[in-house]
């Protein structure tokens, strides 16, 4: 049984390994203290196996970890997939690669998502028609059934914007996102209308970077920053590539991308001006 997305298991394993070393214990000694086999400790520390919150507490007691905040952080890491309960995306396990399932899991747990997009509308803001055209392009030649299922996943992810409390979404879009014709005029008209409607929700903030802004730090590529309730120590930056995703959790990486996003927001149009700008694009301006 896996108890969290891979990025969380690796982070938790590394933290527990460091605490065991701080306590001056080998993995075999730690296992004997808690009544486990040494291989279980090794699997947890390498992120190959999940661990229940109760087992994390057992290890922390064995390692004489007394810092309350550290206790809370590691238990939250172990609980990051709701103790192994199955979620809607598990029905698509045969279709979705592990990195995508990890992304959806993080998205479902996050309180805030900051995203820069240079090419396409963010998945959480796509209409069904737009999502279908993007999916067809990305999985060129895939059978219709696979395309249908991937679009279902894309649309199901949008439930985080309707949950209670909803995910807070801050999106900065390059003007190219609005100008690129995906699916033809009718699909784009519906997508631009949907963006304007979404932008008026209190928990959704959309800003456009017009071409007139010139070169900006976001030209290095799109990224997503997930933030979580209660502690910033769980924040994650996600960089998407064609065949994989890279997860960054080091504080210096998080700070660099947070500063980059803040800079992009400063240079982008205000949310109010963005609404007018999207309307202008829709009208052919």
Protein backbone atom coordinates (compact mmCIF):
# COMPACT_ATOMS: atom_id res chain seq x y z
CA UNK A 1 0.00 0.00 0.00
CA UNK A 2 1.35 3.44 -0.95
CA UNK A 3 0.51 6.24 1.50
CA UNK A 4 1.30 9.36 -0.50
CA UNK A 5 2.59 10.73 -3.79
CA UNK A 6 6.15 9.79 -4.64
CA UNK A 7 7.53 13.28 -4.02
CA UNK A 8 6.13 13.20 -0.49
CA UNK A 9 7.44 9.69 0.23
CA UNK A 10 10.94 10.69 -0.85
CA UNK A 11 10.88 13.83 1.27
CA UNK A 12 9.61 11.95 4.31
CA UNK A 13 12.15 9.16 3.83
CA UNK A 14 15.04 11.63 3.64
CA UNK A 15 13.88 13.41 6.80
CA UNK A 16 13.54 10.14 8.74
CA UNK A 17 16.93 8.93 7.53
CA UNK A 18 18.56 12.16 8.75
CA UNK A 19 16.85 11.88 12.14
CA UNK A 20 17.97 8.26 12.52
CA UNK A 21 21.55 9.30 11.76
CA UNK A 22 21.25 12.16 14.27
CA UNK A 23 20.19 9.61 16.87
CA UNK A 24 23.31 7.55 16.10
CA UNK A 25 21.34 4.47 14.99
CA UNK A 26 21.77 2.10 12.08
CA UNK A 27 18.68 1.09 10.14
CA UNK A 28 18.90 -2.35 11.78
CA UNK A 29 19.01 -0.86 15.27
CA UNK A 30 16.08 1.41 14.48
CA UNK A 31 14.07 -1.53 13.19
CA UNK A 32 14.69 -3.54 16.36
CA UNK A 33 13.60 -0.61 18.54
CA UNK A 34 10.19 -0.45 16.86
CA UNK A 35 9.79 -4.19 16.23
CA UNK A 36 10.14 -4.12 12.44
CA UNK A 37 12.35 -5.83 9.90
CA UNK A 38 15.32 -3.75 8.76
CA UNK A 39 14.10 -3.86 5.16
CA UNK A 40 10.95 -1.91 6.12
CA UNK A 41 13.03 0.95 7.50
CA UNK A 42 15.16 0.94 4.34
CA UNK A 43 12.12 1.01 2.04
CA UNK A 44 10.64 3.95 3.97
CA UNK A 45 13.91 5.89 3.92
CA UNK A 46 14.39 5.45 0.18
CA UNK A 47 10.79 6.41 -0.58
CA UNK A 48 9.99 3.01 -2.08
CA UNK A 49 7.32 2.38 0.53
CA UNK A 50 4.77 4.60 2.21
CA UNK A 51 4.37 4.90 5.96
CA UNK A 52 1.33 5.52 8.15
CA UNK A 53 1.27 8.52 10.51
CA UNK A 54 1.19 6.14 13.50
CA UNK A 55 4.40 4.49 12.30
CA UNK A 56 6.06 7.89 11.84
CA UNK A 57 5.24 8.73 15.45
CA UNK A 58 6.75 5.40 16.49
CA UNK A 59 10.00 6.19 14.68
CA UNK A 60 10.14 9.74 16.05
CA UNK A 61 9.80 8.39 19.59
CA UNK A 62 12.56 5.87 18.91
CA UNK A 63 14.79 8.68 17.60
CA UNK A 64 13.93 10.87 20.63
CA UNK A 65 12.68 13.70 18.41
CA UNK A 66 11.16 16.29 20.71
CA UNK A 67 10.58 19.29 18.39
CA UNK A 68 6.75 19.69 18.07
CA UNK A 69 6.93 21.46 14.68
CA UNK A 70 9.08 18.69 13.23
CA UNK A 71 6.64 16.11 14.57
CA UNK A 72 3.76 17.94 12.89
CA UNK A 73 5.57 18.31 9.57
CA UNK A 74 6.50 14.65 9.27
CA UNK A 75 3.06 13.42 10.31
CA UNK A 76 1.51 15.71 7.69
CA UNK A 77 3.88 14.28 5.09
CA UNK A 78 2.76 10.77 6.02
CA UNK A 79 -0.88 11.85 5.90
CA UNK A 80 -0.56 13.57 2.52
CA UNK A 81 -2.68 10.97 0.74
CA UNK A 82 -5.32 10.73 3.47
CA UNK A 83 -3.88 7.52 4.92
CA UNK A 84 -4.13 5.56 1.72
CA UNK A 85 -7.80 6.11 0.96
CA UNK A 86 -8.53 5.80 -2.72
CA UNK A 87 -9.40 8.96 -4.62
CA UNK A 88 -11.13 9.49 -7.95
CA UNK A 89 -7.90 9.49 -9.97
CA UNK A 90 -7.07 5.95 -8.83
CA UNK A 91 -9.66 4.74 -11.33
CA UNK A 92 -7.29 5.99 -14.06
CA UNK A 93 -4.11 4.36 -12.73
CA UNK A 94 -3.62 2.38 -15.94
CA UNK A 95 -3.86 5.56 -18.00
CA UNK A 96 -2.00 8.19 -15.97
CA UNK A 97 1.78 8.05 -15.44
CA UNK A 98 2.95 8.24 -11.80
CA UNK A 99 4.18 11.83 -12.18
CA UNK A 100 0.73 12.98 -13.29
CA UNK A 101 -0.94 11.13 -10.41
CA UNK A 102 1.51 12.81 -8.03
CA UNK A 103 0.60 16.18 -9.52
CA UNK A 104 -3.14 15.57 -9.09
CA UNK A 105 -2.62 14.40 -5.52
CA UNK A 106 -0.67 17.55 -4.63
CA UNK A 107 -3.23 19.72 -6.42
CA UNK A 108 -6.06 18.13 -4.42
CA UNK A 109 -4.33 18.83 -1.10
CA UNK A 110 -2.99 22.33 -1.80
CA UNK A 111 -4.56 25.51 -0.46
CA UNK A 112 -2.98 27.76 -3.09
CA UNK A 113 -1.65 27.21 -6.61
CA UNK A 114 0.48 29.79 -8.42
CA UNK A 115 1.06 29.06 -12.07
CA UNK A 116 2.79 30.66 -15.04
CA UNK A 117 1.70 29.52 -18.50
CA UNK A 118 3.34 30.59 -21.75
CA UNK A 119 1.53 28.38 -24.27
CA UNK A 120 -1.88 27.08 -23.19
CA UNK A 121 -4.63 27.88 -20.73
CA UNK A 122 -4.00 26.16 -17.35
CA UNK A 123 -5.82 22.86 -17.04
CA UNK A 124 -8.01 24.08 -14.18
CA UNK A 125 -9.38 26.83 -16.42
CA UNK A 126 -9.91 24.91 -19.66
CA UNK A 127 -13.31 24.33 -21.27
CA UNK A 128 -14.11 20.75 -22.34
CA UNK A 129 -13.71 21.66 -26.02
CA UNK A 130 -10.36 23.38 -25.48
CA UNK A 131 -9.15 20.53 -23.26
CA UNK A 132 -10.00 18.01 -25.99
CA UNK A 133 -8.04 19.90 -28.64
CA UNK A 134 -4.99 20.28 -26.39
CA UNK A 135 -5.12 16.60 -25.43
CA UNK A 136 -5.34 15.50 -29.04
CA UNK A 137 -2.26 17.56 -29.86
CA UNK A 138 -0.24 16.29 -26.89
CA UNK A 139 -1.09 12.59 -27.40
CA UNK A 140 -1.08 12.73 -31.19
CA UNK A 141 -2.46 9.55 -32.71
CA UNK A 142 -3.99 8.24 -29.49
CA UNK A 143 -7.29 6.34 -29.84
CA UNK A 144 -10.46 8.31 -29.18
CA UNK A 145 -11.15 6.37 -25.96
CA UNK A 146 -7.84 7.45 -24.44
CA UNK A 147 -8.42 11.06 -25.42
CA UNK A 148 -11.89 10.93 -23.84
CA UNK A 149 -10.50 9.53 -20.60
CA UNK A 150 -7.72 12.14 -20.40
CA UNK A 151 -10.24 14.92 -20.95
CA UNK A 152 -12.39 13.43 -18.16
CA UNK A 153 -9.39 13.61 -15.85
CA UNK A 154 -8.68 17.21 -16.84
CA UNK A 155 -12.25 18.26 -16.10
CA UNK A 156 -12.46 16.25 -12.85
CA UNK A 157 -9.39 18.09 -11.58
CA UNK A 158 -11.36 21.34 -11.77
CA UNK A 159 -13.47 20.25 -8.80
CA UNK A 160 -10.77 21.73 -6.53
CA UNK A 161 -12.06 25.17 -7.55
CA UNK A 162 -15.54 24.21 -6.35
CA UNK A 163 -14.58 22.46 -3.10
CA UNK A 164 -15.07 23.92 0.37
CA UNK A 165 -12.75 25.68 0.88
CA UNK A 166 -11.75 26.03 -2.78
CA UNK A 167 -8.20 26.04 -4.05
CA UNK A 168 -6.93 29.61 -4.44
CA UNK A 169 -5.62 29.90 -8.00
CA UNK A 170 -3.25 32.69 -9.07
CA UNK A 171 -2.45 32.42 -12.77
CA UNK A 172 -0.15 34.58 -14.89
CA UNK A 173 -0.68 34.00 -18.62
CA UNK A 174 1.53 35.19 -21.43
CA UNK A 175 -0.48 36.93 -24.16
CA UNK A 176 0.46 34.03 -26.44
CA UNK A 177 -1.92 31.83 -24.45
CA UNK A 178 -4.83 34.02 -25.56
CA UNK A 179 -3.64 34.49 -29.14
CA UNK A 180 -2.87 30.86 -29.96
CA UNK A 181 -5.84 29.43 -31.85
CA UNK A 182 -6.71 26.06 -30.34
CA UNK A 183 -9.60 24.27 -32.03
CA UNK A 184 -10.66 27.20 -34.15
CA UNK A 185 -12.60 30.46 -33.56
CA UNK A 186 -15.62 28.88 -31.86
CA UNK A 187 -13.56 26.91 -29.33
CA UNK A 188 -11.39 29.94 -28.58
CA UNK A 189 -14.40 32.21 -28.14
CA UNK A 190 -15.83 29.82 -25.57
CA UNK A 191 -12.47 29.51 -23.82
CA UNK A 192 -11.92 33.26 -23.59
CA UNK A 193 -15.45 33.73 -22.26
CA UNK A 194 -14.81 31.04 -19.67
CA UNK A 195 -11.57 32.75 -18.57
CA UNK A 196 -13.42 36.01 -17.97
CA UNK A 197 -16.10 34.22 -15.96
CA UNK A 198 -13.53 32.31 -13.90
CA UNK A 199 -11.54 35.48 -13.20
CA UNK A 200 -14.54 36.97 -11.41
CA UNK A 201 -14.54 34.27 -8.74
CA UNK A 202 -13.08 35.56 -5.45
CA UNK A 203 -10.56 32.71 -5.21
CA UNK A 204 -9.30 32.97 -8.82
CA UNK A 205 -6.84 35.68 -9.87
CA UNK A 206 -5.82 35.86 -13.52
CA UNK A 207 -3.25 38.30 -14.92
CA UNK A 208 -1.98 38.64 -18.48
CA UNK A 209 1.55 39.52 -19.54
CA UNK A 210 1.08 41.47 -22.79
CA UNK A 211 3.61 41.16 -25.59
CA UNK A 212 4.50 44.79 -24.89
CA UNK A 213 6.06 43.69 -21.61
CA UNK A 214 8.99 42.39 -23.63
CA UNK A 215 11.36 39.79 -22.25
CA UNK A 216 10.52 38.53 -18.78
CA UNK A 217 11.75 35.90 -16.34
CA UNK A 218 8.89 33.57 -17.27
CA UNK A 219 10.41 32.97 -20.69
CA UNK A 220 12.55 30.31 -18.99
CA UNK A 221 9.45 28.11 -18.96
CA UNK A 222 6.12 27.48 -17.24
CA UNK A 223 5.95 26.37 -13.63
CA UNK A 224 3.53 25.68 -10.80
CA UNK A 225 3.99 26.43 -7.09
CA UNK A 226 1.78 24.51 -4.66
CA UNK A 227 1.32 25.83 -1.13
CA UNK A 228 -0.35 23.86 1.66
CA UNK A 229 -2.32 24.70 4.81
CA UNK A 230 -0.52 25.36 8.10
CA UNK A 231 3.12 25.17 6.95
CA UNK A 232 5.23 26.55 4.11
CA UNK A 233 7.70 23.68 4.60
CA UNK A 234 5.53 21.53 2.34
CA UNK A 235 5.52 23.91 -0.64
CA UNK A 236 6.54 22.37 -3.97
CA UNK A 237 7.55 23.76 -7.36
CA UNK A 238 6.60 21.60 -10.34
CA UNK A 239 8.32 21.90 -13.73
CA UNK A 240 6.72 19.94 -16.56
CA UNK A 241 8.69 18.34 -19.37
CA UNK A 242 7.49 16.33 -22.33
CA UNK A 243 8.02 12.95 -20.70
CA UNK A 244 8.40 13.73 -16.99
CA UNK A 245 7.94 16.29 -14.22
CA UNK A 246 10.54 17.74 -11.86
CA UNK A 247 9.59 18.49 -8.24
CA UNK A 248 11.65 21.09 -6.36
CA UNK A 249 11.37 21.37 -2.58
CA UNK A 250 14.64 23.00 -1.50
CA UNK A 251 14.07 26.32 0.25
CA UNK A 252 16.36 28.17 -2.15
CA UNK A 253 14.40 26.84 -5.15
CA UNK A 254 11.08 27.75 -3.57
CA UNK A 255 12.33 31.24 -2.78
CA UNK A 256 13.66 31.74 -6.32
CA UNK A 257 10.41 30.68 -7.97
CA UNK A 258 8.27 32.62 -5.50
CA UNK A 259 10.29 35.75 -6.24
CA UNK A 260 9.98 35.07 -9.97
CA UNK A 261 6.21 34.75 -9.69
CA UNK A 262 5.97 37.95 -7.65
CA UNK A 263 7.97 39.74 -10.35
CA UNK A 264 5.69 38.40 -13.07
CA UNK A 265 2.61 39.61 -11.19
CA UNK A 266 4.13 43.09 -10.85
CA UNK A 267 4.81 43.32 -14.60
CA UNK A 268 1.49 41.77 -15.66
CA UNK A 269 -1.77 43.62 -16.11
CA UNK A 270 -3.94 43.99 -13.02
CA UNK A 271 -6.81 41.49 -12.70
CA UNK A 272 -9.26 44.25 -13.68
CA UNK A 273 -7.28 45.29 -16.76
CA UNK A 274 -6.85 41.63 -17.62
CA UNK A 275 -10.62 41.22 -17.92
CA UNK A 276 -10.71 44.09 -20.43
CA UNK A 277 -7.71 42.71 -22.28
CA UNK A 278 -9.29 39.25 -22.67
CA UNK A 279 -12.49 40.90 -23.91
CA UNK A 280 -10.45 42.83 -26.47
CA UNK A 281 -8.79 39.65 -27.73
CA UNK A 282 -12.19 37.99 -27.99
CA UNK A 283 -13.47 40.94 -30.04
CA UNK A 284 -10.50 40.68 -32.38
CA UNK A 285 -8.59 43.67 -31.05
